[in-house]
């Protein structure tokens, strides 16, 4: 697809017997000034946010950036089953995608992650010294919190025909016993859940020094939740500097066909426009 000033093409990437898929957006009127790897959120959050991410990617490509939108193993158009995915597999997927993008050239390599993808981007940045900017959209603060939110979907589905409530202890007991669960059409393996539960954003001190954290919600500008401020304070104590930004808007990763958020698009474009 060619929009006039940028093109969009789909590609498959083979790595260690796995087949990854990515969309590549590239400017057509000039050489790219930078490369951006997007790392997606978890499960259904990925599907609900696709149009928002795609719109942002088009805007960034129109600015002259090469943008890669990656589908991790077992998700989207990538090969494999969701039940066979693992945190380490996804980290390896992200690494090979970043290597592929970096090999194309075009200035610095930036990492952009949404929700769980932000955690993945932070851990990936620890393995790479070539990261220019690290842009975090509404990062999940820990993997256990993400799994808890996902488990609630199982309770909601059950409650349609009963008075079931969220029994966190029982559900986690099943996962720790090695039993997988079908939730909202996804087969969640116990191994993935337990791996993710160990991931804490505060532990993932990025190597990258150019970090931009954007929160989306009913917030005043630069007003952050207490838990997020705690993570930022922890990083700052370790010598990092984080540029914080907040935009008002709906949590589009939870809503089907959410409206484009112009303030979020503008804030993100400004981050990548900075030298």
C-alpha atoms as a PDB file:
ATOM      1  CA  UNK A   1       0.000   0.000   0.000  1.00  0.00           C
ATOM      2  CA  UNK A   2       1.268   3.486  -0.905  1.00  0.00           C
ATOM      3  CA  UNK A   3      -0.370   6.485   0.745  1.00  0.00           C
ATOM      4  CA  UNK A   4       1.611   9.016  -1.272  1.00  0.00           C
ATOM      5  CA  UNK A   5       4.375   9.925   1.145  1.00  0.00           C
ATOM      6  CA  UNK A   6       4.838   6.538   2.790  1.00  0.00           C
ATOM      7  CA  UNK A   7       4.302   2.871   1.954  1.00  0.00           C
ATOM      8  CA  UNK A   8       2.928  -0.016   4.019  1.00  0.00           C
ATOM      9  CA  UNK A   9       3.985  -3.598   3.372  1.00  0.00           C
ATOM     10  CA  UNK A  10       3.638  -6.855   5.273  1.00  0.00           C
ATOM     11  CA  UNK A  11       6.566  -9.234   5.773  1.00  0.00           C
ATOM     12  CA  UNK A  12       7.240 -12.585   7.400  1.00  0.00           C
ATOM     13  CA  UNK A  13      10.413 -13.188   9.365  1.00  0.00           C
ATOM     14  CA  UNK A  14      11.766 -16.664  10.085  1.00  0.00           C
ATOM     15  CA  UNK A  15      13.715 -17.205  13.300  1.00  0.00           C
ATOM     16  CA  UNK A  16      14.603 -20.442  15.095  1.00  0.00           C
ATOM     17  CA  UNK A  17      11.685 -22.286  13.520  1.00  0.00           C
ATOM     18  CA  UNK A  18       9.214 -19.525  14.338  1.00  0.00           C
ATOM     19  CA  UNK A  19       7.455 -17.286  11.840  1.00  0.00           C
ATOM     20  CA  UNK A  20       6.963 -13.675  12.859  1.00  0.00           C
ATOM     21  CA  UNK A  21       4.928 -11.098  10.990  1.00  0.00           C
ATOM     22  CA  UNK A  22       5.372  -7.367  10.784  1.00  0.00           C
ATOM     23  CA  UNK A  23       4.036  -4.371   8.950  1.00  0.00           C
ATOM     24  CA  UNK A  24       6.702  -1.977   7.721  1.00  0.00           C
ATOM     25  CA  UNK A  25       5.837   1.647   7.078  1.00  0.00           C
ATOM     26  CA  UNK A  26       8.466   3.628   5.167  1.00  0.00           C
ATOM     27  CA  UNK A  27       8.618   7.175   3.842  1.00  0.00           C
ATOM     28  CA  UNK A  28       8.714   7.318   0.048  1.00  0.00           C
ATOM     29  CA  UNK A  29       9.779  10.936  -0.496  1.00  0.00           C
ATOM     30  CA  UNK A  30      13.104  10.809   1.379  1.00  0.00           C
ATOM     31  CA  UNK A  31      15.444   8.456   3.224  1.00  0.00           C
ATOM     32  CA  UNK A  32      14.143   7.537   6.700  1.00  0.00           C
ATOM     33  CA  UNK A  33      15.488   9.723   9.504  1.00  0.00           C
ATOM     34  CA  UNK A  34      14.971   7.070  12.168  1.00  0.00           C
ATOM     35  CA  UNK A  35      13.629   3.569  12.844  1.00  0.00           C
ATOM     36  CA  UNK A  36      10.901   2.717  15.352  1.00  0.00           C
ATOM     37  CA  UNK A  37      10.000  -0.764  16.609  1.00  0.00           C
ATOM     38  CA  UNK A  38       6.529  -1.061  18.143  1.00  0.00           C
ATOM     39  CA  UNK A  39       5.940  -3.802  20.734  1.00  0.00           C
ATOM     40  CA  UNK A  40       2.260  -4.657  21.262  1.00  0.00           C
ATOM     41  CA  UNK A  41       0.083  -5.128  24.351  1.00  0.00           C
ATOM     42  CA  UNK A  42      -1.253  -8.413  25.672  1.00  0.00           C
ATOM     43  CA  UNK A  43      -3.936 -10.628  24.125  1.00  0.00           C
ATOM     44  CA  UNK A  44      -7.208  -8.825  23.347  1.00  0.00           C
ATOM     45  CA  UNK A  45      -5.658  -5.448  24.226  1.00  0.00           C
ATOM     46  CA  UNK A  46      -3.574  -5.851  21.076  1.00  0.00           C
ATOM     47  CA  UNK A  47      -6.626  -6.313  18.855  1.00  0.00           C
ATOM     48  CA  UNK A  48      -8.569  -3.444  20.412  1.00  0.00           C
ATOM     49  CA  UNK A  49      -5.688  -1.011  20.039  1.00  0.00           C
ATOM     50  CA  UNK A  50      -4.580  -1.938  16.499  1.00  0.00           C
ATOM     51  CA  UNK A  51      -6.312   0.946  14.737  1.00  0.00           C
ATOM     52  CA  UNK A  52      -4.941   3.487  17.228  1.00  0.00           C
ATOM     53  CA  UNK A  53      -1.407   2.130  16.835  1.00  0.00           C
ATOM     54  CA  UNK A  54      -1.737   1.971  13.043  1.00  0.00           C
ATOM     55  CA  UNK A  55      -2.886   5.592  12.918  1.00  0.00           C
ATOM     56  CA  UNK A  56       0.080   6.684  15.039  1.00  0.00           C
ATOM     57  CA  UNK A  57       2.460   4.641  12.894  1.00  0.00           C
ATOM     58  CA  UNK A  58       1.165   6.309   9.735  1.00  0.00           C
ATOM     59  CA  UNK A  59       1.723   9.721  11.293  1.00  0.00           C
ATOM     60  CA  UNK A  60       5.278   8.782  12.293  1.00  0.00           C
ATOM     61  CA  UNK A  61       6.037   7.403   8.827  1.00  0.00           C
ATOM     62  CA  UNK A  62       4.712  10.603   7.270  1.00  0.00           C
ATOM     63  CA  UNK A  63       7.241  12.453   9.454  1.00  0.00           C
ATOM     64  CA  UNK A  64      10.031  10.447   7.820  1.00  0.00           C
ATOM     65  CA  UNK A  65      10.454   7.469  10.156  1.00  0.00           C
ATOM     66  CA  UNK A  66      10.621   3.791   9.267  1.00  0.00           C
ATOM     67  CA  UNK A  67       8.146   2.025  11.579  1.00  0.00           C
ATOM     68  CA  UNK A  68       7.857  -1.711  12.274  1.00  0.00           C
ATOM     69  CA  UNK A  69       4.663  -3.068  13.852  1.00  0.00           C
ATOM     70  CA  UNK A  70       5.481  -6.539  15.155  1.00  0.00           C
ATOM     71  CA  UNK A  71       3.214  -9.527  15.814  1.00  0.00           C
ATOM     72  CA  UNK A  72       4.851 -11.736  18.432  1.00  0.00           C
ATOM     73  CA  UNK A  73       4.786 -15.550  18.346  1.00  0.00           C
ATOM     74  CA  UNK A  74       1.251 -16.890  18.771  1.00  0.00           C
ATOM     75  CA  UNK A  75      -0.388 -13.520  18.181  1.00  0.00           C
ATOM     76  CA  UNK A  76      -1.878 -11.686  15.207  1.00  0.00           C
ATOM     77  CA  UNK A  77      -0.569 -12.980  11.895  1.00  0.00           C
ATOM     78  CA  UNK A  78       2.555 -14.560  13.374  1.00  0.00           C
ATOM     79  CA  UNK A  79       2.938 -18.323  13.456  1.00  0.00           C
ATOM     80  CA  UNK A  80       2.482 -20.550  16.485  1.00  0.00           C
ATOM     81  CA  UNK A  81      -0.229 -20.845  19.094  1.00  0.00           C
ATOM     82  CA  UNK A  82      -0.798 -18.469  21.978  1.00  0.00           C
ATOM     83  CA  UNK A  83      -0.633 -21.387  24.415  1.00  0.00           C
ATOM     84  CA  UNK A  84       2.958 -22.093  23.346  1.00  0.00           C
ATOM     85  CA  UNK A  85       4.189 -18.534  23.856  1.00  0.00           C
ATOM     86  CA  UNK A  86       6.540 -17.535  26.659  1.00  0.00           C
ATOM     87  CA  UNK A  87       8.007 -14.291  27.933  1.00  0.00           C
ATOM     88  CA  UNK A  88      11.474 -15.342  26.817  1.00  0.00           C
ATOM     89  CA  UNK A  89      10.151 -16.294  23.380  1.00  0.00           C
ATOM     90  CA  UNK A  90       8.583 -12.862  23.012  1.00  0.00           C
ATOM     91  CA  UNK A  91      11.802 -11.205  24.160  1.00  0.00           C
ATOM     92  CA  UNK A  92      13.725 -13.173  21.524  1.00  0.00           C
ATOM     93  CA  UNK A  93      11.114 -12.170  18.909  1.00  0.00           C
ATOM     94  CA  UNK A  94      11.590  -8.527  19.838  1.00  0.00           C
ATOM     95  CA  UNK A  95      15.359  -8.867  19.658  1.00  0.00           C
ATOM     96  CA  UNK A  96      15.393 -10.391  16.165  1.00  0.00           C
ATOM     97  CA  UNK A  97      12.902  -7.778  14.973  1.00  0.00           C
ATOM     98  CA  UNK A  98      15.120  -5.012  16.361  1.00  0.00           C
ATOM     99  CA  UNK A  99      18.162  -6.589  14.677  1.00  0.00           C
ATOM    100  CA  UNK A 100      16.264  -6.745  11.387  1.00  0.00           C
ATOM    101  CA  UNK A 101      15.169  -3.137  11.640  1.00  0.00           C
ATOM    102  CA  UNK A 102      18.622  -1.917  12.676  1.00  0.00           C
ATOM    103  CA  UNK A 103      20.189  -3.736   9.709  1.00  0.00           C
ATOM    104  CA  UNK A 104      18.018  -1.668   7.364  1.00  0.00           C
ATOM    105  CA  UNK A 105      19.874   1.439   8.496  1.00  0.00           C
ATOM    106  CA  UNK A 106      18.119   4.802   8.793  1.00  0.00           C
ATOM    107  CA  UNK A 107      19.408   6.600  11.843  1.00  0.00           C
ATOM    108  CA  UNK A 108      18.836   5.641  15.489  1.00  0.00           C
ATOM    109  CA  UNK A 109      16.664   2.706  16.572  1.00  0.00           C
ATOM    110  CA  UNK A 110      13.805   3.680  18.887  1.00  0.00           C
ATOM    111  CA  UNK A 111      11.574   1.366  20.930  1.00  0.00           C
ATOM    112  CA  UNK A 112       7.874   2.120  21.448  1.00  0.00           C
ATOM    113  CA  UNK A 113       5.697  -0.109  23.603  1.00  0.00           C
ATOM    114  CA  UNK A 114       2.080  -0.109  24.733  1.00  0.00           C
ATOM    115  CA  UNK A 115       0.994  -1.660  28.054  1.00  0.00           C
ATOM    116  CA  UNK A 116       2.744  -5.059  28.339  1.00  0.00           C
ATOM    117  CA  UNK A 117       4.746  -4.120  25.234  1.00  0.00           C
ATOM    118  CA  UNK A 118       6.272  -1.320  27.302  1.00  0.00           C
ATOM    119  CA  UNK A 119       7.654  -3.879  29.766  1.00  0.00           C
ATOM    120  CA  UNK A 120       9.016  -5.869  26.850  1.00  0.00           C
ATOM    121  CA  UNK A 121      10.591  -2.717  25.391  1.00  0.00           C
ATOM    122  CA  UNK A 122      12.268  -1.917  28.713  1.00  0.00           C
ATOM    123  CA  UNK A 123      13.733  -5.398  29.046  1.00  0.00           C
ATOM    124  CA  UNK A 124      14.842  -5.352  25.407  1.00  0.00           C
ATOM    125  CA  UNK A 125      16.560  -2.009  25.970  1.00  0.00           C
ATOM    126  CA  UNK A 126      18.704  -3.647  28.645  1.00  0.00           C
ATOM    127  CA  UNK A 127      20.150  -5.897  25.937  1.00  0.00           C
ATOM    128  CA  UNK A 128      20.821  -3.166  23.374  1.00  0.00           C
ATOM    129  CA  UNK A 129      23.189  -0.218  23.399  1.00  0.00           C
ATOM    130  CA  UNK A 130      21.771   1.188  20.154  1.00  0.00           C
ATOM    131  CA  UNK A 131      18.407   2.338  21.557  1.00  0.00           C
ATOM    132  CA  UNK A 132      17.841   6.011  20.817  1.00  0.00           C
ATOM    133  CA  UNK A 133      14.503   6.651  22.532  1.00  0.00           C
ATOM    134  CA  UNK A 134      12.277   4.499  24.699  1.00  0.00           C
ATOM    135  CA  UNK A 135       8.622   5.541  24.446  1.00  0.00           C
ATOM    136  CA  UNK A 136       6.206   3.925  26.903  1.00  0.00           C
ATOM    137  CA  UNK A 137       2.450   4.204  26.396  1.00  0.00           C
ATOM    138  CA  UNK A 138       0.546   3.455  29.620  1.00  0.00           C
ATOM    139  CA  UNK A 139       3.016   0.765  30.743  1.00  0.00           C
ATOM    140  CA  UNK A 140       1.795  -2.139  32.833  1.00  0.00           C
ATOM    141  CA  UNK A 141       3.675  -1.891  36.134  1.00  0.00           C
ATOM    142  CA  UNK A 142       4.025  -5.639  36.580  1.00  0.00           C
ATOM    143  CA  UNK A 143       3.089  -8.802  34.754  1.00  0.00           C
ATOM    144  CA  UNK A 144       1.076 -10.206  37.649  1.00  0.00           C
ATOM    145  CA  UNK A 145      -1.234  -7.204  37.457  1.00  0.00           C
ATOM    146  CA  UNK A 146      -1.735  -7.865  33.735  1.00  0.00           C
ATOM    147  CA  UNK A 147      -2.608 -11.514  34.351  1.00  0.00           C
ATOM    148  CA  UNK A 148      -5.041 -10.531  37.128  1.00  0.00           C
ATOM    149  CA  UNK A 149      -6.873  -8.238  34.701  1.00  0.00           C
ATOM    150  CA  UNK A 150      -6.969 -11.037  32.145  1.00  0.00           C
ATOM    151  CA  UNK A 151      -8.305 -13.558  34.674  1.00  0.00           C
ATOM    152  CA  UNK A 152     -11.175 -11.191  35.457  1.00  0.00           C
ATOM    153  CA  UNK A 153     -12.408 -11.726  31.884  1.00  0.00           C
ATOM    154  CA  UNK A 154     -12.938 -15.390  32.728  1.00  0.00           C
ATOM    155  CA  UNK A 155     -15.044 -14.400  35.717  1.00  0.00           C
ATOM    156  CA  UNK A 156     -17.089 -11.948  33.643  1.00  0.00           C
ATOM    157  CA  UNK A 157     -17.815 -14.659  31.071  1.00  0.00           C
ATOM    158  CA  UNK A 158     -18.908 -17.041  33.820  1.00  0.00           C
ATOM    159  CA  UNK A 159     -21.031 -14.431  35.570  1.00  0.00           C
ATOM    160  CA  UNK A 160     -23.286 -14.091  32.529  1.00  0.00           C
ATOM    161  CA  UNK A 161     -25.040 -17.252  33.602  1.00  0.00           C
ATOM    162  CA  UNK A 162     -24.267 -17.263  37.343  1.00  0.00           C
ATOM    163  CA  UNK A 163     -23.317 -15.097  40.301  1.00  0.00           C
ATOM    164  CA  UNK A 164     -19.614 -15.922  40.032  1.00  0.00           C
ATOM    165  CA  UNK A 165     -17.135 -13.478  41.541  1.00  0.00           C
ATOM    166  CA  UNK A 166     -13.437 -13.014  40.915  1.00  0.00           C
ATOM    167  CA  UNK A 167     -11.730 -15.745  42.942  1.00  0.00           C
ATOM    168  CA  UNK A 168      -8.101 -14.761  42.433  1.00  0.00           C
ATOM    169  CA  UNK A 169      -6.683 -17.327  44.855  1.00  0.00           C
ATOM    170  CA  UNK A 170      -8.368 -20.293  43.159  1.00  0.00           C
ATOM    171  CA  UNK A 171      -7.454 -19.201  39.642  1.00  0.00           C
ATOM    172  CA  UNK A 172      -3.798 -18.652  40.537  1.00  0.00           C
ATOM    173  CA  UNK A 173      -3.744 -21.999  42.341  1.00  0.00           C
ATOM    174  CA  UNK A 174      -4.817 -23.667  39.102  1.00  0.00           C
ATOM    175  CA  UNK A 175      -2.083 -21.879  37.168  1.00  0.00           C
ATOM    176  CA  UNK A 176       0.580 -22.794  39.736  1.00  0.00           C
ATOM    177  CA  UNK A 177      -0.605 -26.405  39.512  1.00  0.00           C
ATOM    178  CA  UNK A 178       0.294 -26.330  35.811  1.00  0.00           C
ATOM    179  CA  UNK A 179      -3.224 -26.088  34.428  1.00  0.00           C
ATOM    180  CA  UNK A 180      -3.897 -23.835  31.456  1.00  0.00           C
ATOM    181  CA  UNK A 181      -7.065 -21.762  31.035  1.00  0.00           C
ATOM    182  CA  UNK A 182      -9.224 -20.680  28.122  1.00  0.00           C
ATOM    183  CA  UNK A 183      -9.980 -16.979  28.515  1.00  0.00           C
ATOM    184  CA  UNK A 184     -11.714 -14.803  25.927  1.00  0.00           C
ATOM    185  CA  UNK A 185     -10.658 -17.181  23.166  1.00  0.00           C
ATOM    186  CA  UNK A 186      -7.030 -17.411  24.319  1.00  0.00           C
ATOM    187  CA  UNK A 187      -5.390 -20.494  25.810  1.00  0.00           C
ATOM    188  CA  UNK A 188      -3.339 -19.045  28.662  1.00  0.00           C
ATOM    189  CA  UNK A 189      -0.607 -21.474  29.657  1.00  0.00           C
ATOM    190  CA  UNK A 190       0.461 -21.715  33.271  1.00  0.00           C
ATOM    191  CA  UNK A 191       4.090 -21.260  32.221  1.00  0.00           C
ATOM    192  CA  UNK A 192       3.415 -17.913  30.486  1.00  0.00           C
ATOM    193  CA  UNK A 193       1.329 -16.656  33.412  1.00  0.00           C
ATOM    194  CA  UNK A 194       3.988 -17.595  35.965  1.00  0.00           C
ATOM    195  CA  UNK A 195       6.773 -16.101  33.839  1.00  0.00           C
ATOM    196  CA  UNK A 196       4.891 -12.842  33.397  1.00  0.00           C
ATOM    197  CA  UNK A 197       4.059 -12.679  37.105  1.00  0.00           C
ATOM    198  CA  UNK A 198       7.771 -12.280  37.868  1.00  0.00           C
ATOM    199  CA  UNK A 199       8.244  -9.263  35.587  1.00  0.00           C
ATOM    200  CA  UNK A 200       8.319  -5.910  37.409  1.00  0.00           C
ATOM    201  CA  UNK A 201       8.795  -2.616  35.597  1.00  0.00           C
ATOM    202  CA  UNK A 202      10.726  -1.195  38.548  1.00  0.00           C
ATOM    203  CA  UNK A 203      13.295  -3.984  38.113  1.00  0.00           C
ATOM    204  CA  UNK A 204      13.777  -3.294  34.408  1.00  0.00           C
ATOM    205  CA  UNK A 205      16.155  -0.345  34.591  1.00  0.00           C
ATOM    206  CA  UNK A 206      16.601   0.650  30.934  1.00  0.00           C
ATOM    207  CA  UNK A 207      20.044   1.272  29.520  1.00  0.00           C
ATOM    208  CA  UNK A 208      18.535   3.947  27.273  1.00  0.00           C
ATOM    209  CA  UNK A 209      18.834   7.461  28.712  1.00  0.00           C
ATOM    210  CA  UNK A 210      16.072   9.017  26.594  1.00  0.00           C
ATOM    211  CA  UNK A 211      12.861   7.722  28.201  1.00  0.00           C
ATOM    212  CA  UNK A 212       9.387   9.134  27.572  1.00  0.00           C
ATOM    213  CA  UNK A 213       6.454   7.872  29.658  1.00  0.00           C
ATOM    214  CA  UNK A 214       2.933   8.770  28.502  1.00  0.00           C
ATOM    215  CA  UNK A 215      -0.157   8.067  30.609  1.00  0.00           C
ATOM    216  CA  UNK A 216      -3.637   8.160  29.085  1.00  0.00           C
ATOM    217  CA  UNK A 217      -6.787   8.704  31.125  1.00  0.00           C
ATOM    218  CA  UNK A 218      -8.756  11.209  33.197  1.00  0.00           C
ATOM    219  CA  UNK A 219      -5.584  12.940  34.302  1.00  0.00           C
ATOM    220  CA  UNK A 220      -4.363  16.474  34.444  1.00  0.00           C
ATOM    221  CA  UNK A 221      -1.226  17.072  32.397  1.00  0.00           C
ATOM    222  CA  UNK A 222       1.824  15.640  34.153  1.00  0.00           C
ATOM    223  CA  UNK A 223      -0.386  14.104  36.865  1.00  0.00           C
ATOM    224  CA  UNK A 224       0.602  10.462  37.367  1.00  0.00           C
ATOM    225  CA  UNK A 225      -0.832   7.607  39.462  1.00  0.00           C
ATOM    226  CA  UNK A 226       1.012   7.014  42.727  1.00  0.00           C
ATOM    227  CA  UNK A 227       2.219   3.550  41.664  1.00  0.00           C
ATOM    228  CA  UNK A 228       3.678   4.923  38.429  1.00  0.00           C
ATOM    229  CA  UNK A 229       5.392   7.735  40.319  1.00  0.00           C
ATOM    230  CA  UNK A 230       6.963   5.117  42.577  1.00  0.00           C
ATOM    231  CA  UNK A 231       8.510   3.294  39.614  1.00  0.00           C
ATOM    232  CA  UNK A 232       9.767   6.561  38.159  1.00  0.00           C
ATOM    233  CA  UNK A 233      11.268   7.584  41.524  1.00  0.00           C
ATOM    234  CA  UNK A 234      13.036   4.203  41.707  1.00  0.00           C
ATOM    235  CA  UNK A 235      14.548   4.717  38.253  1.00  0.00           C
ATOM    236  CA  UNK A 236      15.539   8.286  39.017  1.00  0.00           C
ATOM    237  CA  UNK A 237      17.348   7.123  42.162  1.00  0.00           C
ATOM    238  CA  UNK A 238      19.382   4.877  39.860  1.00  0.00           C
ATOM    239  CA  UNK A 239      20.416   7.838  37.706  1.00  0.00           C
ATOM    240  CA  UNK A 240      17.775   7.788  34.960  1.00  0.00           C
ATOM    241  CA  UNK A 241      15.840  10.812  33.751  1.00  0.00           C
ATOM    242  CA  UNK A 242      12.269  10.259  32.566  1.00  0.00           C
ATOM    243  CA  UNK A 243      10.178  12.734  30.586  1.00  0.00           C
ATOM    244  CA  UNK A 244       6.607  12.380  31.844  1.00  0.00           C
ATOM    245  CA  UNK A 245       3.471  13.299  29.957  1.00  0.00           C
ATOM    246  CA  UNK A 246      -0.242  12.745  30.502  1.00  0.00           C
ATOM    247  CA  UNK A 247      -3.062  13.132  28.015  1.00  0.00           C
ATOM    248  CA  UNK A 248      -6.759  12.889  28.667  1.00  0.00           C
ATOM    249  CA  UNK A 249      -8.585  10.121  26.876  1.00  0.00           C
ATOM    250  CA  UNK A 250     -10.298   6.761  27.090  1.00  0.00           C
ATOM    251  CA  UNK A 251      -8.331   3.555  27.712  1.00  0.00           C
ATOM    252  CA  UNK A 252      -8.550   2.498  24.059  1.00  0.00           C
ATOM    253  CA  UNK A 253      -6.876  -0.877  24.731  1.00  0.00           C
ATOM    254  CA  UNK A 254     -10.078  -1.889  26.556  1.00  0.00           C
ATOM    255  CA  UNK A 255     -12.584  -0.544  24.018  1.00  0.00           C
ATOM    256  CA  UNK A 256     -13.624  -1.781  20.591  1.00  0.00           C
ATOM    257  CA  UNK A 257     -13.367   0.925  17.906  1.00  0.00           C
ATOM    258  CA  UNK A 258     -12.198   3.664  20.281  1.00  0.00           C
ATOM    259  CA  UNK A 259     -11.802   7.096  18.748  1.00  0.00           C
ATOM    260  CA  UNK A 260      -8.385   8.380  17.717  1.00  0.00           C
ATOM    261  CA  UNK A 261      -6.870  10.556  20.438  1.00  0.00           C
ATOM    262  CA  UNK A 262      -5.350  13.640  18.729  1.00  0.00           C
ATOM    263  CA  UNK A 263      -3.580  14.756  21.915  1.00  0.00           C
ATOM    264  CA  UNK A 264      -1.838  11.396  22.238  1.00  0.00           C
ATOM    265  CA  UNK A 265      -0.836  11.436  18.581  1.00  0.00           C
ATOM    266  CA  UNK A 266       0.562  14.943  18.860  1.00  0.00           C
ATOM    267  CA  UNK A 267       2.479  14.224  22.079  1.00  0.00           C
ATOM    268  CA  UNK A 268       4.014  11.089  20.565  1.00  0.00           C
ATOM    269  CA  UNK A 269       4.913  12.843  17.319  1.00  0.00           C
ATOM    270  CA  UNK A 270       6.620  15.604  19.322  1.00  0.00           C
ATOM    271  CA  UNK A 271       8.718  13.038  21.170  1.00  0.00           C
ATOM    272  CA  UNK A 272      10.014  11.516  17.957  1.00  0.00           C
ATOM    273  CA  UNK A 273      10.533  14.923  16.378  1.00  0.00           C
ATOM    274  CA  UNK A 274      12.993  15.871  19.122  1.00  0.00           C
ATOM    275  CA  UNK A 275      16.682  15.473  18.350  1.00  0.00           C
END
